[in-house]
Amino acid sequence: MRFGSYLALIALVVVTGCAQQPKKLAFNKVGAQHIKTVVVTRSPNQETYEAAVLGHPGMSFGLVGGLIAAADIQAKSNRLTAAIDAAETRLQERTASLLSDAMAKAGYDTKIVPVTKRAGLDQAALEIVNSGVQTDSVLLVETVGSYLAAGPSTDYFPFVVVRVRSVDSKSGKTLYEDTLTYGYAMSNTQTVHFASDATYRFGSIEALTADPKKTRQGLYAGVEAIVAQIAQDMTRD
């Protein structure tokens, strides 16, 4: 993880926190009555998983302190990524698969379509349109997983963020939009938030990387809770 990556994570935290509240639109059940087929987008899997201390003391000491903090966070993130193995974790693939299954159980015919790395919801929508895929609607999904700690002596919590938007393919109208989070709790946030089980709290980077299966499951639990909520939100009955 580069210093810029750490700043990008902080920016994500701000966007989903108090600086700019995420877009929200309750599911339009009436407008979605004709929807039978749904394309679920799948972004490429994360290559790195960040273990970030948001209140790192080095950030209080100017550029030099910031660089020291970034180097420390990078080293810990490298340890986390190596431990859980990004190629095995495949968080974005798991999100798309679970969401496709959940939507199928809700009565939709679903298909998963991959989109470009870091496309974002707007670019992903454009890619689907240009691909010529025939579908009544597109469920655009963007997932990020990490582990966050408030400070150097506090526990690491899983932090999963899922941004989702359902778009009617014919009219282009948004039928549903929300941002859902799991685990680490941001102050003054208006995301739909789920607390993580105490099982997935880790007191140090050593504890975080000691049992990769358990650490990985902390992220999976977040995806499962969020997917279940999205499917519930989009039920037409």
C-alpha atoms as a PDB file:
ATOM      1  CA  MET A   1       0.000   0.000   0.000  1.00  0.00           C
ATOM      2  CA  ARG A   2       1.430   3.381  -0.971  1.00  0.00           C
ATOM      3  CA  PHE A   3       0.965   6.603   0.999  1.00  0.00           C
ATOM      4  CA  GLY A   4      -1.556   7.694  -1.651  1.00  0.00           C
ATOM      5  CA  SER A   5      -3.522   4.510  -1.015  1.00  0.00           C
ATOM      6  CA  TYR A   6      -3.716   5.350   2.675  1.00  0.00           C
ATOM      7  CA  LEU A   7      -4.990   8.830   1.869  1.00  0.00           C
ATOM      8  CA  ALA A   8      -7.535   7.290  -0.517  1.00  0.00           C
ATOM      9  CA  LEU A   9      -8.824   5.132   2.322  1.00  0.00           C
ATOM     10  CA  ILE A  10      -9.140   8.157   4.575  1.00  0.00           C
ATOM     11  CA  ALA A  11     -11.036   9.916   1.772  1.00  0.00           C
ATOM     12  CA  LEU A  12     -13.403   6.953   1.571  1.00  0.00           C
ATOM     13  CA  VAL A  13     -13.964   7.173   5.308  1.00  0.00           C
ATOM     14  CA  VAL A  14     -14.763  10.868   4.997  1.00  0.00           C
ATOM     15  CA  VAL A  15     -17.168  10.323   2.104  1.00  0.00           C
ATOM     16  CA  THR A  16     -19.056   7.675   4.039  1.00  0.00           C
ATOM     17  CA  GLY A  17     -18.823   9.732   7.202  1.00  0.00           C
ATOM     18  CA  CYS A  18     -19.741  13.237   8.235  1.00  0.00           C
ATOM     19  CA  ALA A  19     -18.219  15.362   5.451  1.00  0.00           C
ATOM     20  CA  GLN A  20     -20.539  14.214   2.685  1.00  0.00           C
ATOM     21  CA  GLN A  21     -23.340  11.820   3.361  1.00  0.00           C
ATOM     22  CA  PRO A  22     -23.784   9.059   0.767  1.00  0.00           C
ATOM     23  CA  LYS A  23     -26.708   9.017  -1.624  1.00  0.00           C
ATOM     24  CA  LYS A  24     -29.770   7.123  -0.468  1.00  0.00           C
ATOM     25  CA  LEU A  25     -32.924   6.172  -2.328  1.00  0.00           C
ATOM     26  CA  ALA A  26     -35.461   3.692  -0.991  1.00  0.00           C
ATOM     27  CA  PHE A  27     -36.346   0.890  -3.392  1.00  0.00           C
ATOM     28  CA  ASN A  28     -39.063   1.908  -5.833  1.00  0.00           C
ATOM     29  CA  LYS A  29     -41.296  -1.179  -5.611  1.00  0.00           C
ATOM     30  CA  VAL A  30     -43.918   0.243  -7.952  1.00  0.00           C
ATOM     31  CA  GLY A  31     -41.383   1.252 -10.578  1.00  0.00           C
ATOM     32  CA  ALA A  32     -39.690  -2.147 -10.354  1.00  0.00           C
ATOM     33  CA  GLN A  33     -42.743  -4.330 -10.930  1.00  0.00           C
ATOM     34  CA  HIS A  34     -41.709  -5.011 -14.531  1.00  0.00           C
ATOM     35  CA  ILE A  35     -38.169  -6.017 -13.589  1.00  0.00           C
ATOM     36  CA  LYS A  36     -37.515  -9.695 -14.200  1.00  0.00           C
ATOM     37  CA  THR A  37     -33.845  -9.864 -15.179  1.00  0.00           C
ATOM     38  CA  VAL A  38     -31.013  -8.304 -13.198  1.00  0.00           C
ATOM     39  CA  VAL A  39     -27.331  -7.976 -14.076  1.00  0.00           C
ATOM     40  CA  VAL A  40     -25.120  -7.843 -10.987  1.00  0.00           C
ATOM     41  CA  THR A  41     -21.767  -6.162 -11.627  1.00  0.00           C
ATOM     42  CA  ARG A  42     -18.555  -7.689 -10.315  1.00  0.00           C
ATOM     43  CA  SER A  43     -15.486  -5.526  -9.959  1.00  0.00           C
ATOM     44  CA  PRO A  44     -12.019  -7.152  -9.923  1.00  0.00           C
ATOM     45  CA  ASN A  45     -10.908  -8.564  -6.606  1.00  0.00           C
ATOM     46  CA  GLN A  46      -8.771  -6.471  -4.297  1.00  0.00           C
ATOM     47  CA  GLU A  47      -5.066  -7.059  -4.613  1.00  0.00           C
ATOM     48  CA  THR A  48      -4.262  -5.539  -1.221  1.00  0.00           C
ATOM     49  CA  TYR A  49      -6.071  -5.301   2.114  1.00  0.00           C
ATOM     50  CA  GLU A  50      -5.260  -2.362   4.311  1.00  0.00           C
ATOM     51  CA  ALA A  51      -4.649  -2.536   8.042  1.00  0.00           C
ATOM     52  CA  ALA A  52      -4.934   1.161   8.853  1.00  0.00           C
ATOM     53  CA  VAL A  53      -4.605   3.004  12.148  1.00  0.00           C
ATOM     54  CA  LEU A  54      -6.799   6.056  11.550  1.00  0.00           C
ATOM     55  CA  GLY A  55      -5.434   7.968  14.519  1.00  0.00           C
ATOM     56  CA  HIS A  56      -1.797   7.078  13.914  1.00  0.00           C
ATOM     57  CA  PRO A  57       0.342   9.375  16.112  1.00  0.00           C
ATOM     58  CA  GLY A  58       2.758  10.033  13.262  1.00  0.00           C
ATOM     59  CA  MET A  59       0.044  11.911  11.372  1.00  0.00           C
ATOM     60  CA  SER A  60       0.297  14.710  13.945  1.00  0.00           C
ATOM     61  CA  PHE A  61       3.914  15.536  13.087  1.00  0.00           C
ATOM     62  CA  GLY A  62       3.806  17.021   9.634  1.00  0.00           C
ATOM     63  CA  LEU A  63       5.105  15.495   6.440  1.00  0.00           C
ATOM     64  CA  VAL A  64       7.916  13.486   8.030  1.00  0.00           C
ATOM     65  CA  GLY A  65       5.581  12.065  10.650  1.00  0.00           C
ATOM     66  CA  GLY A  66       3.018  11.323   7.966  1.00  0.00           C
ATOM     67  CA  LEU A  67       5.590   9.410   5.931  1.00  0.00           C
ATOM     68  CA  ILE A  68       6.590   7.406   8.975  1.00  0.00           C
ATOM     69  CA  ALA A  69       2.946   6.638   9.693  1.00  0.00           C
ATOM     70  CA  ALA A  70       2.352   5.626   6.076  1.00  0.00           C
ATOM     71  CA  ALA A  71       5.390   3.328   6.117  1.00  0.00           C
ATOM     72  CA  ASP A  72       4.149   1.666   9.307  1.00  0.00           C
ATOM     73  CA  ILE A  73       0.651   1.212   7.927  1.00  0.00           C
ATOM     74  CA  GLN A  74       2.050  -0.093   4.641  1.00  0.00           C
ATOM     75  CA  ALA A  75       4.132  -2.699   6.448  1.00  0.00           C
ATOM     76  CA  LYS A  76       1.132  -3.865   8.469  1.00  0.00           C
ATOM     77  CA  SER A  77      -1.097  -3.899   5.399  1.00  0.00           C
ATOM     78  CA  ASN A  78       1.478  -6.014   3.578  1.00  0.00           C
ATOM     79  CA  ARG A  79       1.406  -8.466   6.482  1.00  0.00           C
ATOM     80  CA  LEU A  80      -2.389  -8.614   6.418  1.00  0.00           C
ATOM     81  CA  THR A  81      -2.529  -9.078   2.638  1.00  0.00           C
ATOM     82  CA  ALA A  82       0.067 -11.850   2.747  1.00  0.00           C
ATOM     83  CA  ALA A  83      -1.695 -13.589   5.630  1.00  0.00           C
ATOM     84  CA  ILE A  84      -5.194 -13.732   4.175  1.00  0.00           C
ATOM     85  CA  ASP A  85      -3.950 -14.092   0.561  1.00  0.00           C
ATOM     86  CA  ALA A  86      -5.860 -11.756  -1.732  1.00  0.00           C
ATOM     87  CA  ALA A  87      -6.079 -14.471  -4.390  1.00  0.00           C
ATOM     88  CA  GLU A  88      -7.965 -16.659  -1.943  1.00  0.00           C
ATOM     89  CA  THR A  89     -10.055 -13.960  -0.222  1.00  0.00           C
ATOM     90  CA  ARG A  90     -11.657 -12.623  -3.454  1.00  0.00           C
ATOM     91  CA  LEU A  91     -14.032 -10.301  -1.615  1.00  0.00           C
ATOM     92  CA  GLN A  92     -15.557  -8.651  -4.683  1.00  0.00           C
ATOM     93  CA  GLU A  93     -16.215 -11.977  -6.373  1.00  0.00           C
ATOM     94  CA  ARG A  94     -17.858 -13.246  -3.201  1.00  0.00           C
ATOM     95  CA  THR A  95     -20.040 -10.147  -2.955  1.00  0.00           C
ATOM     96  CA  ALA A  96     -21.320 -10.533  -6.514  1.00  0.00           C
ATOM     97  CA  SER A  97     -21.956 -14.249  -6.121  1.00  0.00           C
ATOM     98  CA  LEU A  98     -23.864 -13.935  -2.844  1.00  0.00           C
ATOM     99  CA  LEU A  99     -25.843 -10.969  -4.124  1.00  0.00           C
ATOM    100  CA  SER A 100     -26.763 -12.771  -7.338  1.00  0.00           C
ATOM    101  CA  ASP A 101     -27.965 -15.782  -5.329  1.00  0.00           C
ATOM    102  CA  ALA A 102     -29.928 -13.592  -2.923  1.00  0.00           C
ATOM    103  CA  MET A 103     -31.628 -11.712  -5.745  1.00  0.00           C
ATOM    104  CA  ALA A 104     -32.496 -15.009  -7.453  1.00  0.00           C
ATOM    105  CA  LYS A 105     -34.172 -16.174  -4.243  1.00  0.00           C
ATOM    106  CA  ALA A 106     -36.116 -12.892  -4.255  1.00  0.00           C
ATOM    107  CA  GLY A 107     -37.593 -13.858  -7.620  1.00  0.00           C
ATOM    108  CA  TYR A 108     -35.256 -12.256 -10.160  1.00  0.00           C
ATOM    109  CA  ASP A 109     -33.351 -13.916 -13.011  1.00  0.00           C
ATOM    110  CA  THR A 110     -29.760 -12.872 -12.401  1.00  0.00           C
ATOM    111  CA  LYS A 111     -26.486 -12.752 -14.274  1.00  0.00           C
ATOM    112  CA  ILE A 112     -23.070 -11.601 -13.067  1.00  0.00           C
ATOM    113  CA  VAL A 113     -21.102  -9.359 -15.445  1.00  0.00           C
ATOM    114  CA  PRO A 114     -17.525  -8.231 -14.676  1.00  0.00           C
ATOM    115  CA  VAL A 115     -16.559  -4.561 -14.983  1.00  0.00           C
ATOM    116  CA  THR A 116     -13.255  -2.716 -15.189  1.00  0.00           C
ATOM    117  CA  LYS A 117     -11.033  -2.347 -12.169  1.00  0.00           C
ATOM    118  CA  ARG A 118     -11.954   0.696 -10.065  1.00  0.00           C
ATOM    119  CA  ALA A 119     -14.610   1.642 -12.587  1.00  0.00           C
ATOM    120  CA  GLY A 120     -16.889   3.234  -9.982  1.00  0.00           C
ATOM    121  CA  LEU A 121     -20.653   2.997 -10.213  1.00  0.00           C
ATOM    122  CA  ASP A 122     -21.082   5.532 -13.022  1.00  0.00           C
ATOM    123  CA  GLN A 123     -18.362   4.035 -15.215  1.00  0.00           C
ATOM    124  CA  ALA A 124     -19.622   0.517 -14.497  1.00  0.00           C
ATOM    125  CA  ALA A 125     -23.096   1.530 -15.670  1.00  0.00           C
ATOM    126  CA  LEU A 126     -21.613   2.909 -18.905  1.00  0.00           C
ATOM    127  CA  GLU A 127     -19.645  -0.292 -19.470  1.00  0.00           C
ATOM    128  CA  ILE A 128     -22.773  -2.416 -19.085  1.00  0.00           C
ATOM    129  CA  VAL A 129     -24.682  -0.209 -21.539  1.00  0.00           C
ATOM    130  CA  ASN A 130     -21.864  -0.363 -24.088  1.00  0.00           C
ATOM    131  CA  SER A 131     -21.525  -4.122 -23.716  1.00  0.00           C
ATOM    132  CA  GLY A 132     -24.987  -4.666 -25.161  1.00  0.00           C
ATOM    133  CA  VAL A 133     -26.091  -6.977 -22.357  1.00  0.00           C
ATOM    134  CA  GLN A 134     -29.845  -7.440 -22.473  1.00  0.00           C
ATOM    135  CA  THR A 135     -31.401  -6.994 -19.045  1.00  0.00           C
ATOM    136  CA  ASP A 136     -34.299  -5.205 -17.373  1.00  0.00           C
ATOM    137  CA  SER A 137     -32.045  -3.662 -14.741  1.00  0.00           C
ATOM    138  CA  VAL A 138     -28.462  -3.426 -13.555  1.00  0.00           C
ATOM    139  CA  LEU A 139     -27.415  -3.750  -9.939  1.00  0.00           C
ATOM    140  CA  LEU A 140     -24.174  -1.791  -9.694  1.00  0.00           C
ATOM    141  CA  VAL A 141     -21.976  -2.872  -6.810  1.00  0.00           C
ATOM    142  CA  GLU A 142     -18.738  -1.485  -5.403  1.00  0.00           C
ATOM    143  CA  THR A 143     -17.079  -3.247  -2.437  1.00  0.00           C
ATOM    144  CA  VAL A 144     -14.021  -2.389  -0.340  1.00  0.00           C
ATOM    145  CA  GLY A 145     -12.748  -4.438   2.590  1.00  0.00           C
ATOM    146  CA  SER A 146     -10.092  -3.573   5.157  1.00  0.00           C
ATOM    147  CA  TYR A 147      -9.264  -3.658   8.857  1.00  0.00           C
ATOM    148  CA  LEU A 148      -9.266  -0.396  10.817  1.00  0.00           C
ATOM    149  CA  ALA A 149      -8.151   0.628  14.285  1.00  0.00           C
ATOM    150  CA  ALA A 150      -8.898   3.953  15.936  1.00  0.00           C
ATOM    151  CA  GLY A 151      -5.409   4.225  17.400  1.00  0.00           C
ATOM    152  CA  PRO A 152      -2.167   2.317  17.941  1.00  0.00           C
ATOM    153  CA  SER A 153      -3.375   0.636  21.132  1.00  0.00           C
ATOM    154  CA  THR A 154      -6.961  -0.138  20.104  1.00  0.00           C
ATOM    155  CA  ASP A 155      -8.427  -3.196  18.402  1.00  0.00           C
ATOM    156  CA  TYR A 156      -8.572  -3.729  14.668  1.00  0.00           C
ATOM    157  CA  PHE A 157     -12.130  -4.138  13.375  1.00  0.00           C
ATOM    158  CA  PRO A 158     -13.184  -5.404   9.954  1.00  0.00           C
ATOM    159  CA  PHE A 159     -14.491  -2.593   7.790  1.00  0.00           C
ATOM    160  CA  VAL A 160     -16.540  -3.488   4.731  1.00  0.00           C
ATOM    161  CA  VAL A 161     -18.128  -0.793   2.567  1.00  0.00           C
ATOM    162  CA  VAL A 162     -20.616  -1.642  -0.180  1.00  0.00           C
ATOM    163  CA  ARG A 163     -22.089   1.022  -2.453  1.00  0.00           C
ATOM    164  CA  VAL A 164     -25.033  -0.212  -4.489  1.00  0.00           C
ATOM    165  CA  ARG A 165     -27.319   1.275  -7.103  1.00  0.00           C
ATOM    166  CA  SER A 166     -30.136  -0.373  -9.076  1.00  0.00           C
ATOM    167  CA  VAL A 167     -30.844   1.172 -12.476  1.00  0.00           C
ATOM    168  CA  ASP A 168     -33.746   0.503 -14.858  1.00  0.00           C
ATOM    169  CA  SER A 169     -32.090  -0.386 -18.172  1.00  0.00           C
ATOM    170  CA  LYS A 170     -34.839   1.114 -20.328  1.00  0.00           C
ATOM    171  CA  SER A 171     -35.569   4.382 -18.551  1.00  0.00           C
ATOM    172  CA  GLY A 172     -32.162   4.888 -16.954  1.00  0.00           C
ATOM    173  CA  LYS A 173     -33.888   5.763 -13.693  1.00  0.00           C
ATOM    174  CA  THR A 174     -32.362   4.802 -10.375  1.00  0.00           C
ATOM    175  CA  LEU A 175     -34.632   2.378  -8.532  1.00  0.00           C
ATOM    176  CA  TYR A 176     -32.553   1.994  -5.379  1.00  0.00           C
ATOM    177  CA  GLU A 177     -29.311   3.380  -3.981  1.00  0.00           C
ATOM    178  CA  ASP A 178     -27.497   3.057  -0.691  1.00  0.00           C
ATOM    179  CA  THR A 179     -24.158   2.682   1.059  1.00  0.00           C
ATOM    180  CA  LEU A 180     -23.858  -0.056   3.651  1.00  0.00           C
ATOM    181  CA  THR A 181     -21.021  -0.599   6.110  1.00  0.00           C
ATOM    182  CA  TYR A 182     -19.978  -3.291   8.543  1.00  0.00           C
ATOM    183  CA  GLY A 183     -17.604  -3.446  11.483  1.00  0.00           C
ATOM    184  CA  TYR A 184     -15.675  -0.303  12.402  1.00  0.00           C
ATOM    185  CA  ALA A 185     -18.189   2.406  13.306  1.00  0.00           C
ATOM    186  CA  MET A 186     -17.670   5.901  11.945  1.00  0.00           C
ATOM    187  CA  SER A 187     -19.069   8.819  13.918  1.00  0.00           C
ATOM    188  CA  ASN A 188     -21.953  10.811  12.408  1.00  0.00           C
ATOM    189  CA  THR A 189     -22.291   8.466   9.461  1.00  0.00           C
ATOM    190  CA  GLN A 190     -25.603   7.858   7.732  1.00  0.00           C
ATOM    191  CA  THR A 191     -24.748   4.565   6.101  1.00  0.00           C
ATOM    192  CA  VAL A 192     -26.759   1.471   6.914  1.00  0.00           C
ATOM    193  CA  HIS A 193     -24.343   0.044   9.462  1.00  0.00           C
ATOM    194  CA  PHE A 194     -23.918  -3.407  10.970  1.00  0.00           C
ATOM    195  CA  ALA A 195     -21.810  -4.030  14.057  1.00  0.00           C
ATOM    196  CA  SER A 196     -19.283  -6.833  13.758  1.00  0.00           C
ATOM    197  CA  ASP A 197     -19.187  -9.783  16.102  1.00  0.00           C
ATOM    198  CA  ALA A 198     -16.652  -9.478  18.925  1.00  0.00           C
ATOM    199  CA  THR A 199     -15.003 -12.594  17.490  1.00  0.00           C
ATOM    200  CA  TYR A 200     -13.547 -10.416  14.772  1.00  0.00           C
ATOM    201  CA  ARG A 201     -11.772  -7.887  16.974  1.00  0.00           C
ATOM    202  CA  PHE A 202      -7.983  -8.146  17.004  1.00  0.00           C
ATOM    203  CA  GLY A 203      -5.752  -6.427  19.545  1.00  0.00           C
ATOM    204  CA  SER A 204      -2.631  -6.180  17.393  1.00  0.00           C
ATOM    205  CA  ILE A 205      -1.278  -6.829  13.920  1.00  0.00           C
ATOM    206  CA  GLU A 206       0.129 -10.091  15.286  1.00  0.00           C
ATOM    207  CA  ALA A 207      -3.353 -11.205  16.373  1.00  0.00           C
ATOM    208  CA  LEU A 208      -4.826  -9.995  13.079  1.00  0.00           C
ATOM    209  CA  THR A 209      -2.477 -12.170  11.033  1.00  0.00           C
ATOM    210  CA  ALA A 210      -2.211 -15.195  13.356  1.00  0.00           C
ATOM    211  CA  ASP A 211      -5.352 -16.948  12.071  1.00  0.00           C
ATOM    212  CA  PRO A 212      -5.926 -15.993   8.415  1.00  0.00           C
ATOM    213  CA  LYS A 213      -9.121 -18.030   8.119  1.00  0.00           C
ATOM    214  CA  LYS A 214     -10.694 -16.177  11.050  1.00  0.00           C
ATOM    215  CA  THR A 215      -9.497 -12.788   9.764  1.00  0.00           C
ATOM    216  CA  ARG A 216     -10.864 -13.548   6.318  1.00  0.00           C
ATOM    217  CA  GLN A 217     -14.173 -14.648   7.812  1.00  0.00           C
ATOM    218  CA  GLY A 218     -14.449 -11.253   9.509  1.00  0.00           C
ATOM    219  CA  LEU A 219     -14.663  -9.676   6.068  1.00  0.00           C
ATOM    220  CA  TYR A 220     -16.997 -12.372   4.750  1.00  0.00           C
ATOM    221  CA  ALA A 221     -19.376 -11.830   7.665  1.00  0.00           C
ATOM    222  CA  GLY A 222     -19.649  -8.194   6.642  1.00  0.00           C
ATOM    223  CA  VAL A 223     -20.469  -9.064   3.049  1.00  0.00           C
ATOM    224  CA  GLU A 224     -23.090 -11.592   4.152  1.00  0.00           C
ATOM    225  CA  ALA A 225     -24.858  -9.111   6.432  1.00  0.00           C
ATOM    226  CA  ILE A 226     -24.849  -6.389   3.795  1.00  0.00           C
ATOM    227  CA  VAL A 227     -26.029  -8.661   0.970  1.00  0.00           C
ATOM    228  CA  ALA A 228     -28.918  -9.899   3.094  1.00  0.00           C
ATOM    229  CA  GLN A 229     -29.989  -6.316   3.721  1.00  0.00           C
ATOM    230  CA  ILE A 230     -29.814  -5.353   0.048  1.00  0.00           C
ATOM    231  CA  ALA A 231     -31.907  -8.355  -0.952  1.00  0.00           C
ATOM    232  CA  GLN A 232     -34.440  -7.506   1.750  1.00  0.00           C
ATOM    233  CA  ASP A 233     -34.549  -3.884   0.613  1.00  0.00           C
ATOM    234  CA  MET A 234     -35.242  -4.934  -2.976  1.00  0.00           C
ATOM    235  CA  THR A 235     -38.073  -7.345  -2.253  1.00  0.00           C
ATOM    236  CA  ARG A 236     -41.131  -6.334  -4.265  1.00  0.00           C
ATOM    237  CA  ASP A 237     -43.770  -8.047  -2.122  1.00  0.00           C
END
